[in-house]
């Protein structure tokens, strides 16, 4: 199953992203992604359904709380998505 993660600068940044997404009706959950995904940076990310990617990016842009990276995780791999 594929997951879409928005990585944060800190745990607080991830919490702020989750709060903004939840308020807009996009279900979000804070997770701890693999260290390879975060490149050794913050170990917290927000997980959302792929179908809300475009809407989530717009909501986060309007709020001024942009993620560090957007990452699609599938099976044993992952790829970064431009935001």
PDB file of N, CA and C in Angstrom:
ATOM      1  N   UNK A   1       0.837  -1.180   0.000  1.00  0.00           N
ATOM      2  CA  UNK A   1       0.000   0.000   0.000  1.00  0.00           C
ATOM      3  C   UNK A   1       0.883   1.246   0.000  1.00  0.00           C
ATOM      4  N   UNK A   2       0.526   2.219  -0.798  1.00  0.00           N
ATOM      5  CA  UNK A   2       1.295   3.453  -0.896  1.00  0.00           C
ATOM      6  C   UNK A   2       0.852   4.448   0.164  1.00  0.00           C
ATOM      7  N   UNK A   3       1.816   5.198   0.680  1.00  0.00           N
ATOM      8  CA  UNK A   3       1.552   6.233   1.666  1.00  0.00           C
ATOM      9  C   UNK A   3       2.113   7.543   1.144  1.00  0.00           C
ATOM     10  N   UNK A   4       1.488   8.629   1.498  1.00  0.00           N
ATOM     11  CA  UNK A   4       1.998   9.945   1.156  1.00  0.00           C
ATOM     12  C   UNK A   4       2.382  10.634   2.455  1.00  0.00           C
ATOM     13  N   UNK A   5       3.647  11.052   2.534  1.00  0.00           N
ATOM     14  CA  UNK A   5       4.157  11.695   3.738  1.00  0.00           C
ATOM     15  C   UNK A   5       4.617  13.113   3.439  1.00  0.00           C
ATOM     16  N   UNK A   6       4.309  14.011   4.356  1.00  0.00           N
ATOM     17  CA  UNK A   6       4.863  15.355   4.347  1.00  0.00           C
ATOM     18  C   UNK A   6       5.828  15.415   5.525  1.00  0.00           C
ATOM     19  N   UNK A   7       7.114  15.555   5.258  1.00  0.00           N
ATOM     20  CA  UNK A   7       8.079  15.608   6.358  1.00  0.00           C
ATOM     21  C   UNK A   7       8.137  17.015   6.928  1.00  0.00           C
ATOM     22  N   UNK A   8       8.440  17.084   8.221  1.00  0.00           N
ATOM     23  CA  UNK A   8       8.503  18.369   8.911  1.00  0.00           C
ATOM     24  C   UNK A   8       9.907  18.708   9.360  1.00  0.00           C
ATOM     25  N   UNK A   9      10.090  19.967   9.776  1.00  0.00           N
ATOM     26  CA  UNK A   9      11.378  20.427  10.295  1.00  0.00           C
ATOM     27  C   UNK A   9      11.582  19.960  11.729  1.00  0.00           C
ATOM     28  N   UNK A  10      10.461  19.689  12.422  1.00  0.00           N
ATOM     29  CA  UNK A  10      10.494  19.291  13.830  1.00  0.00           C
ATOM     30  C   UNK A  10       9.171  18.613  14.158  1.00  0.00           C
ATOM     31  N   UNK A  11       9.079  18.081  15.355  1.00  0.00           N
ATOM     32  CA  UNK A  11       7.820  17.480  15.797  1.00  0.00           C
ATOM     33  C   UNK A  11       6.723  18.540  15.834  1.00  0.00           C
ATOM     34  N   UNK A  12       7.078  19.742  16.273  1.00  0.00           N
ATOM     35  CA  UNK A  12       6.108  20.835  16.335  1.00  0.00           C
ATOM     36  C   UNK A  12       5.612  21.209  14.941  1.00  0.00           C
ATOM     37  N   UNK A  13       6.508  21.241  13.969  1.00  0.00           N
ATOM     38  CA  UNK A  13       6.129  21.546  12.585  1.00  0.00           C
ATOM     39  C   UNK A  13       5.149  20.494  12.071  1.00  0.00           C
ATOM     40  N   UNK A  14       5.420  19.221  12.335  1.00  0.00           N
ATOM     41  CA  UNK A  14       4.514  18.147  11.918  1.00  0.00           C
ATOM     42  C   UNK A  14       3.152  18.298  12.595  1.00  0.00           C
ATOM     43  N   UNK A  15       3.140  18.658  13.864  1.00  0.00           N
ATOM     44  CA  UNK A  15       1.880  18.850  14.590  1.00  0.00           C
ATOM     45  C   UNK A  15       1.079  20.009  13.993  1.00  0.00           C
ATOM     46  N   UNK A  16       1.760  21.086  13.616  1.00  0.00           N
ATOM     47  CA  UNK A  16       1.077  22.229  13.015  1.00  0.00           C
ATOM     48  C   UNK A  16       0.476  21.842  11.663  1.00  0.00           C
ATOM     49  N   UNK A  17       1.227  21.080  10.844  1.00  0.00           N
ATOM     50  CA  UNK A  17       0.691  20.628   9.555  1.00  0.00           C
ATOM     51  C   UNK A  17      -0.545  19.769   9.776  1.00  0.00           C
ATOM     52  N   UNK A  18      -0.481  18.839  10.723  1.00  0.00           N
ATOM     53  CA  UNK A  18      -1.615  17.963  11.020  1.00  0.00           C
ATOM     54  C   UNK A  18      -2.833  18.771  11.435  1.00  0.00           C
ATOM     55  N   UNK A  19      -2.643  19.735  12.294  1.00  0.00           N
ATOM     56  CA  UNK A  19      -3.752  20.560  12.778  1.00  0.00           C
ATOM     57  C   UNK A  19      -4.428  21.302  11.619  1.00  0.00           C
ATOM     58  N   UNK A  20      -3.629  21.901  10.739  1.00  0.00           N
ATOM     59  CA  UNK A  20      -4.174  22.642   9.594  1.00  0.00           C
ATOM     60  C   UNK A  20      -4.940  21.697   8.663  1.00  0.00           C
ATOM     61  N   UNK A  21      -4.364  20.533   8.395  1.00  0.00           N
ATOM     62  CA  UNK A  21      -5.022  19.573   7.497  1.00  0.00           C
ATOM     63  C   UNK A  21      -6.309  19.048   8.110  1.00  0.00           C
ATOM     64  N   UNK A  22      -6.274  18.692   9.397  1.00  0.00           N
ATOM     65  CA  UNK A  22      -7.478  18.205  10.061  1.00  0.00           C
ATOM     66  C   UNK A  22      -8.598  19.241  10.021  1.00  0.00           C
ATOM     67  N   UNK A  23      -8.260  20.511  10.266  1.00  0.00           N
ATOM     68  CA  UNK A  23      -9.268  21.579  10.261  1.00  0.00           C
ATOM     69  C   UNK A  23      -9.898  21.763   8.881  1.00  0.00           C
ATOM     70  N   UNK A  24      -9.141  21.417   7.830  1.00  0.00           N
ATOM     71  CA  UNK A  24      -9.672  21.553   6.470  1.00  0.00           C
ATOM     72  C   UNK A  24     -10.421  20.299   6.010  1.00  0.00           C
ATOM     73  N   UNK A  25     -10.509  19.301   6.876  1.00  0.00           N
ATOM     74  CA  UNK A  25     -11.245  18.080   6.533  1.00  0.00           C
ATOM     75  C   UNK A  25     -10.397  16.985   5.927  1.00  0.00           C
ATOM     76  N   UNK A  26      -9.081  17.153   5.934  1.00  0.00           N
ATOM     77  CA  UNK A  26      -8.179  16.130   5.401  1.00  0.00           C
ATOM     78  C   UNK A  26      -7.600  15.353   6.586  1.00  0.00           C
ATOM     79  N   UNK A  27      -7.947  14.075   6.663  1.00  0.00           N
ATOM     80  CA  UNK A  27      -7.464  13.246   7.768  1.00  0.00           C
ATOM     81  C   UNK A  27      -5.951  13.101   7.677  1.00  0.00           C
ATOM     82  N   UNK A  28      -5.272  13.401   8.765  1.00  0.00           N
ATOM     83  CA  UNK A  28      -3.813  13.341   8.801  1.00  0.00           C
ATOM     84  C   UNK A  28      -3.380  12.651  10.087  1.00  0.00           C
ATOM     85  N   UNK A  29      -2.240  11.971  10.004  1.00  0.00           N
ATOM     86  CA  UNK A  29      -1.711  11.259  11.164  1.00  0.00           C
ATOM     87  C   UNK A  29      -0.216  11.497  11.236  1.00  0.00           C
ATOM     88  N   UNK A  30       0.298  11.755  12.436  1.00  0.00           N
ATOM     89  CA  UNK A  30       1.732  11.943  12.610  1.00  0.00           C
ATOM     90  C   UNK A  30       2.389  10.571  12.721  1.00  0.00           C
ATOM     91  N   UNK A  31       3.454  10.379  11.938  1.00  0.00           N
ATOM     92  CA  UNK A  31       4.178   9.108  11.915  1.00  0.00           C
ATOM     93  C   UNK A  31       5.677   9.371  12.003  1.00  0.00           C
ATOM     94  N   UNK A  32       6.417   8.319  12.281  1.00  0.00           N
ATOM     95  CA  UNK A  32       7.883   8.398  12.280  1.00  0.00           C
ATOM     96  C   UNK A  32       8.391   7.613  11.083  1.00  0.00           C
ATOM     97  N   UNK A  33       8.767   8.305  10.012  1.00  0.00           N
ATOM     98  CA  UNK A  33       9.213   7.611   8.798  1.00  0.00           C
ATOM     99  C   UNK A  33      10.620   7.042   8.941  1.00  0.00           C
ATOM    100  N   UNK A  34      10.977   6.189   8.017  1.00  0.00           N
ATOM    101  CA  UNK A  34      12.314   5.618   7.950  1.00  0.00           C
ATOM    102  C   UNK A  34      13.348   6.731   7.832  1.00  0.00           C
ATOM    103  N   UNK A  35      14.490   6.565   8.444  1.00  0.00           N
ATOM    104  CA  UNK A  35      15.560   7.569   8.442  1.00  0.00           C
ATOM    105  C   UNK A  35      16.032   7.899   7.024  1.00  0.00           C
ATOM    106  N   UNK A  36      15.936   6.945   6.094  1.00  0.00           N
ATOM    107  CA  UNK A  36      16.338   7.197   4.710  1.00  0.00           C
ATOM    108  C   UNK A  36      15.428   8.224   4.032  1.00  0.00           C
ATOM    109  N   UNK A  37      14.181   8.257   4.435  1.00  0.00           N
ATOM    110  CA  UNK A  37      13.226   9.204   3.856  1.00  0.00           C
ATOM    111  C   UNK A  37      13.506  10.616   4.354  1.00  0.00           C
ATOM    112  N   UNK A  38      13.885  10.742   5.602  1.00  0.00           N
ATOM    113  CA  UNK A  38      14.103  12.070   6.183  1.00  0.00           C
ATOM    114  C   UNK A  38      15.530  12.566   6.004  1.00  0.00           C
ATOM    115  N   UNK A  39      16.409  11.734   5.477  1.00  0.00           N
ATOM    116  CA  UNK A  39      17.817  12.092   5.272  1.00  0.00           C
ATOM    117  C   UNK A  39      18.476  12.565   6.566  1.00  0.00           C
ATOM    118  N   UNK A  40      18.099  11.942   7.675  1.00  0.00           N
ATOM    119  CA  UNK A  40      18.719  12.271   8.952  1.00  0.00           C
ATOM    120  C   UNK A  40      18.164  13.514   9.605  1.00  0.00           C
ATOM    121  N   UNK A  41      17.174  14.163   8.978  1.00  0.00           N
ATOM    122  CA  UNK A  41      16.567  15.351   9.578  1.00  0.00           C
ATOM    123  C   UNK A  41      15.475  14.926  10.552  1.00  0.00           C
ATOM    124  N   UNK A  42      14.489  15.737  10.720  1.00  0.00           N
ATOM    125  CA  UNK A  42      13.392  15.465  11.651  1.00  0.00           C
ATOM    126  C   UNK A  42      12.824  14.069  11.425  1.00  0.00           C
ATOM    127  N   UNK A  43      12.510  13.401  12.496  1.00  0.00           N
ATOM    128  CA  UNK A  43      11.994  12.049  12.366  1.00  0.00           C
ATOM    129  C   UNK A  43      10.476  11.997  12.474  1.00  0.00           C
ATOM    130  N   UNK A  44       9.817  13.092  12.131  1.00  0.00           N
ATOM    131  CA  UNK A  44       8.359  13.121  12.163  1.00  0.00           C
ATOM    132  C   UNK A  44       7.815  13.590  10.824  1.00  0.00           C
ATOM    133  N   UNK A  45       6.680  13.015  10.452  1.00  0.00           N
ATOM    134  CA  UNK A  45       6.025  13.378   9.205  1.00  0.00           C
ATOM    135  C   UNK A  45       4.523  13.260   9.402  1.00  0.00           C
ATOM    136  N   UNK A  46       3.780  13.811   8.460  1.00  0.00           N
ATOM    137  CA  UNK A  46       2.328  13.719   8.465  1.00  0.00           C
ATOM    138  C   UNK A  46       1.927  12.818   7.305  1.00  0.00           C
ATOM    139  N   UNK A  47       1.122  11.829   7.601  1.00  0.00           N
ATOM    140  CA  UNK A  47       0.665  10.865   6.593  1.00  0.00           C
ATOM    141  C   UNK A  47      -0.766  11.195   6.202  1.00  0.00           C
ATOM    142  N   UNK A  48      -1.013  11.266   4.880  1.00  0.00           N
ATOM    143  CA  UNK A  48      -2.361  11.514   4.371  1.00  0.00           C
ATOM    144  C   UNK A  48      -2.652  10.536   3.240  1.00  0.00           C
ATOM    145  N   UNK A  49      -3.908  10.494   2.846  1.00  0.00           N
ATOM    146  CA  UNK A  49      -4.302   9.692   1.692  1.00  0.00           C
ATOM    147  C   UNK A  49      -3.796  10.371   0.424  1.00  0.00           C
ATOM    148  N   UNK A  50      -3.332   9.582  -0.521  1.00  0.00           N
ATOM    149  CA  UNK A  50      -2.837  10.119  -1.799  1.00  0.00           C
ATOM    150  C   UNK A  50      -3.865  10.968  -2.517  1.00  0.00           C
ATOM    151  N   UNK A  51      -5.134  10.604  -2.397  1.00  0.00           N
ATOM    152  CA  UNK A  51      -6.160  11.314  -3.166  1.00  0.00           C
ATOM    153  C   UNK A  51      -6.316  12.769  -2.727  1.00  0.00           C
ATOM    154  N   UNK A  52      -5.766  13.138  -1.572  1.00  0.00           N
ATOM    155  CA  UNK A  52      -5.866  14.509  -1.088  1.00  0.00           C
ATOM    156  C   UNK A  52      -4.579  15.310  -1.300  1.00  0.00           C
ATOM    157  N   UNK A  53      -3.650  14.772  -2.059  1.00  0.00           N
ATOM    158  CA  UNK A  53      -2.351  15.434  -2.213  1.00  0.00           C
ATOM    159  C   UNK A  53      -2.474  16.880  -2.683  1.00  0.00           C
ATOM    160  N   UNK A  54      -3.115  17.109  -3.808  1.00  0.00           N
ATOM    161  CA  UNK A  54      -3.231  18.464  -4.367  1.00  0.00           C
ATOM    162  C   UNK A  54      -3.931  19.421  -3.421  1.00  0.00           C
ATOM    163  N   UNK A  55      -5.037  18.978  -2.853  1.00  0.00           N
ATOM    164  CA  UNK A  55      -5.790  19.814  -1.915  1.00  0.00           C
ATOM    165  C   UNK A  55      -4.951  20.104  -0.664  1.00  0.00           C
ATOM    166  N   UNK A  56      -4.239  19.103  -0.163  1.00  0.00           N
ATOM    167  CA  UNK A  56      -3.410  19.277   1.036  1.00  0.00           C
ATOM    168  C   UNK A  56      -2.294  20.291   0.794  1.00  0.00           C
ATOM    169  N   UNK A  57      -1.667  20.225  -0.361  1.00  0.00           N
ATOM    170  CA  UNK A  57      -0.598  21.182  -0.681  1.00  0.00           C
ATOM    171  C   UNK A  57      -1.158  22.599  -0.702  1.00  0.00           C
ATOM    172  N   UNK A  58      -2.328  22.788  -1.303  1.00  0.00           N
ATOM    173  CA  UNK A  58      -2.944  24.116  -1.352  1.00  0.00           C
ATOM    174  C   UNK A  58      -3.287  24.625   0.046  1.00  0.00           C
ATOM    175  N   UNK A  59      -3.837  23.756   0.878  1.00  0.00           N
ATOM    176  CA  UNK A  59      -4.192  24.136   2.248  1.00  0.00           C
ATOM    177  C   UNK A  59      -2.935  24.547   3.017  1.00  0.00           C
ATOM    178  N   UNK A  60      -1.869  23.774   2.881  1.00  0.00           N
ATOM    179  CA  UNK A  60      -0.633  24.090   3.586  1.00  0.00           C
ATOM    180  C   UNK A  60       0.002  25.373   3.057  1.00  0.00           C
ATOM    181  N   UNK A  61      -0.063  25.591   1.747  1.00  0.00           N
ATOM    182  CA  UNK A  61       0.468  26.839   1.170  1.00  0.00           C
ATOM    183  C   UNK A  61      -0.266  28.046   1.731  1.00  0.00           C
ATOM    184  N   UNK A  62      -1.595  27.963   1.753  1.00  0.00           N
ATOM    185  CA  UNK A  62      -2.400  29.082   2.269  1.00  0.00           C
ATOM    186  C   UNK A  62      -2.093  29.360   3.744  1.00  0.00           C
ATOM    187  N   UNK A  63      -1.782  28.322   4.484  1.00  0.00           N
ATOM    188  CA  UNK A  63      -1.512  28.489   5.918  1.00  0.00           C
ATOM    189  C   UNK A  63      -0.092  28.971   6.188  1.00  0.00           C
ATOM    190  N   UNK A  64       0.784  28.853   5.168  1.00  0.00           N
ATOM    191  CA  UNK A  64       2.182  29.240   5.352  1.00  0.00           C
ATOM    192  C   UNK A  64       3.007  28.193   6.080  1.00  0.00           C
ATOM    193  N   UNK A  65       2.459  27.000   6.196  1.00  0.00           N
ATOM    194  CA  UNK A  65       3.170  25.907   6.878  1.00  0.00           C
ATOM    195  C   UNK A  65       3.459  24.812   5.862  1.00  0.00           C
ATOM    196  N   UNK A  66       4.511  24.996   5.085  1.00  0.00           N
ATOM    197  CA  UNK A  66       4.857  24.036   4.044  1.00  0.00           C
ATOM    198  C   UNK A  66       5.738  22.918   4.593  1.00  0.00           C
ATOM    199  N   UNK A  67       5.559  21.709   4.071  1.00  0.00           N
ATOM    200  CA  UNK A  67       6.424  20.598   4.480  1.00  0.00           C
ATOM    201  C   UNK A  67       7.826  20.758   3.904  1.00  0.00           C
ATOM    202  N   UNK A  68       8.779  20.050   4.502  1.00  0.00           N
ATOM    203  CA  UNK A  68      10.139  20.030   3.979  1.00  0.00           C
ATOM    204  C   UNK A  68      10.155  19.251   2.667  1.00  0.00           C
ATOM    205  N   UNK A  69       9.501  18.100   2.667  1.00  0.00           N
ATOM    206  CA  UNK A  69       9.431  17.244   1.478  1.00  0.00           C
ATOM    207  C   UNK A  69       8.076  16.562   1.425  1.00  0.00           C
ATOM    208  N   UNK A  70       7.673  16.148   0.236  1.00  0.00           N
ATOM    209  CA  UNK A  70       6.523  15.273   0.048  1.00  0.00           C
ATOM    210  C   UNK A  70       7.093  13.977  -0.523  1.00  0.00           C
ATOM    211  N   UNK A  71       6.750  12.869   0.100  1.00  0.00           N
ATOM    212  CA  UNK A  71       7.337  11.591  -0.282  1.00  0.00           C
ATOM    213  C   UNK A  71       6.242  10.546  -0.445  1.00  0.00           C
ATOM    214  N   UNK A  72       6.271   9.853  -1.581  1.00  0.00           N
ATOM    215  CA  UNK A  72       5.380   8.728  -1.825  1.00  0.00           C
ATOM    216  C   UNK A  72       6.141   7.469  -1.456  1.00  0.00           C
ATOM    217  N   UNK A  73       5.615   6.717  -0.495  1.00  0.00           N
ATOM    218  CA  UNK A  73       6.268   5.493  -0.021  1.00  0.00           C
ATOM    219  C   UNK A  73       5.467   4.303  -0.528  1.00  0.00           C
ATOM    220  N   UNK A  74       6.153   3.366  -1.164  1.00  0.00           N
ATOM    221  CA  UNK A  74       5.487   2.179  -1.702  1.00  0.00           C
ATOM    222  C   UNK A  74       6.388   0.965  -1.542  1.00  0.00           C
ATOM    223  N   UNK A  75       5.828  -0.140  -1.092  1.00  0.00           N
ATOM    224  CA  UNK A  75       6.615  -1.362  -0.912  1.00  0.00           C
ATOM    225  C   UNK A  75       7.891  -1.103  -0.161  1.00  0.00           C
ATOM    226  N   UNK A  76       9.028  -1.394  -0.794  1.00  0.00           N
ATOM    227  CA  UNK A  76      10.322  -1.158  -0.170  1.00  0.00           C
ATOM    228  C   UNK A  76      11.024   0.099  -0.687  1.00  0.00           C
ATOM    229  N   UNK A  77      10.291   0.935  -1.411  1.00  0.00           N
ATOM    230  CA  UNK A  77      10.918   2.124  -1.981  1.00  0.00           C
ATOM    231  C   UNK A  77      10.134   3.387  -1.691  1.00  0.00           C
ATOM    232  N   UNK A  78      10.680   4.465  -2.195  1.00  0.00           N
ATOM    233  CA  UNK A  78      10.019   5.753  -2.051  1.00  0.00           C
ATOM    234  C   UNK A  78      10.530   6.689  -3.132  1.00  0.00           C
ATOM    235  N   UNK A  79       9.732   7.742  -3.384  1.00  0.00           N
ATOM    236  CA  UNK A  79      10.198   8.779  -4.306  1.00  0.00           C
ATOM    237  C   UNK A  79       9.629  10.114  -3.844  1.00  0.00           C
ATOM    238  N   UNK A  80      10.424  11.150  -4.032  1.00  0.00           N
ATOM    239  CA  UNK A  80      10.010  12.488  -3.659  1.00  0.00           C
ATOM    240  C   UNK A  80       9.078  13.046  -4.727  1.00  0.00           C
ATOM    241  N   UNK A  81       8.073  13.782  -4.280  1.00  0.00           N
ATOM    242  CA  UNK A  81       7.116  14.412  -5.183  1.00  0.00           C
ATOM    243  C   UNK A  81       7.310  15.920  -5.072  1.00  0.00           C
ATOM    244  N   UNK A  82       7.364  16.595  -6.187  1.00  0.00           N
ATOM    245  CA  UNK A  82       7.508  18.056  -6.185  1.00  0.00           C
ATOM    246  C   UNK A  82       6.265  18.721  -5.638  1.00  0.00           C
ATOM    247  N   UNK A  83       6.495  19.745  -4.814  1.00  0.00           N
ATOM    248  CA  UNK A  83       5.359  20.511  -4.271  1.00  0.00           C
ATOM    249  C   UNK A  83       5.523  21.973  -4.605  1.00  0.00           C
TER     250      UNK A  83
END
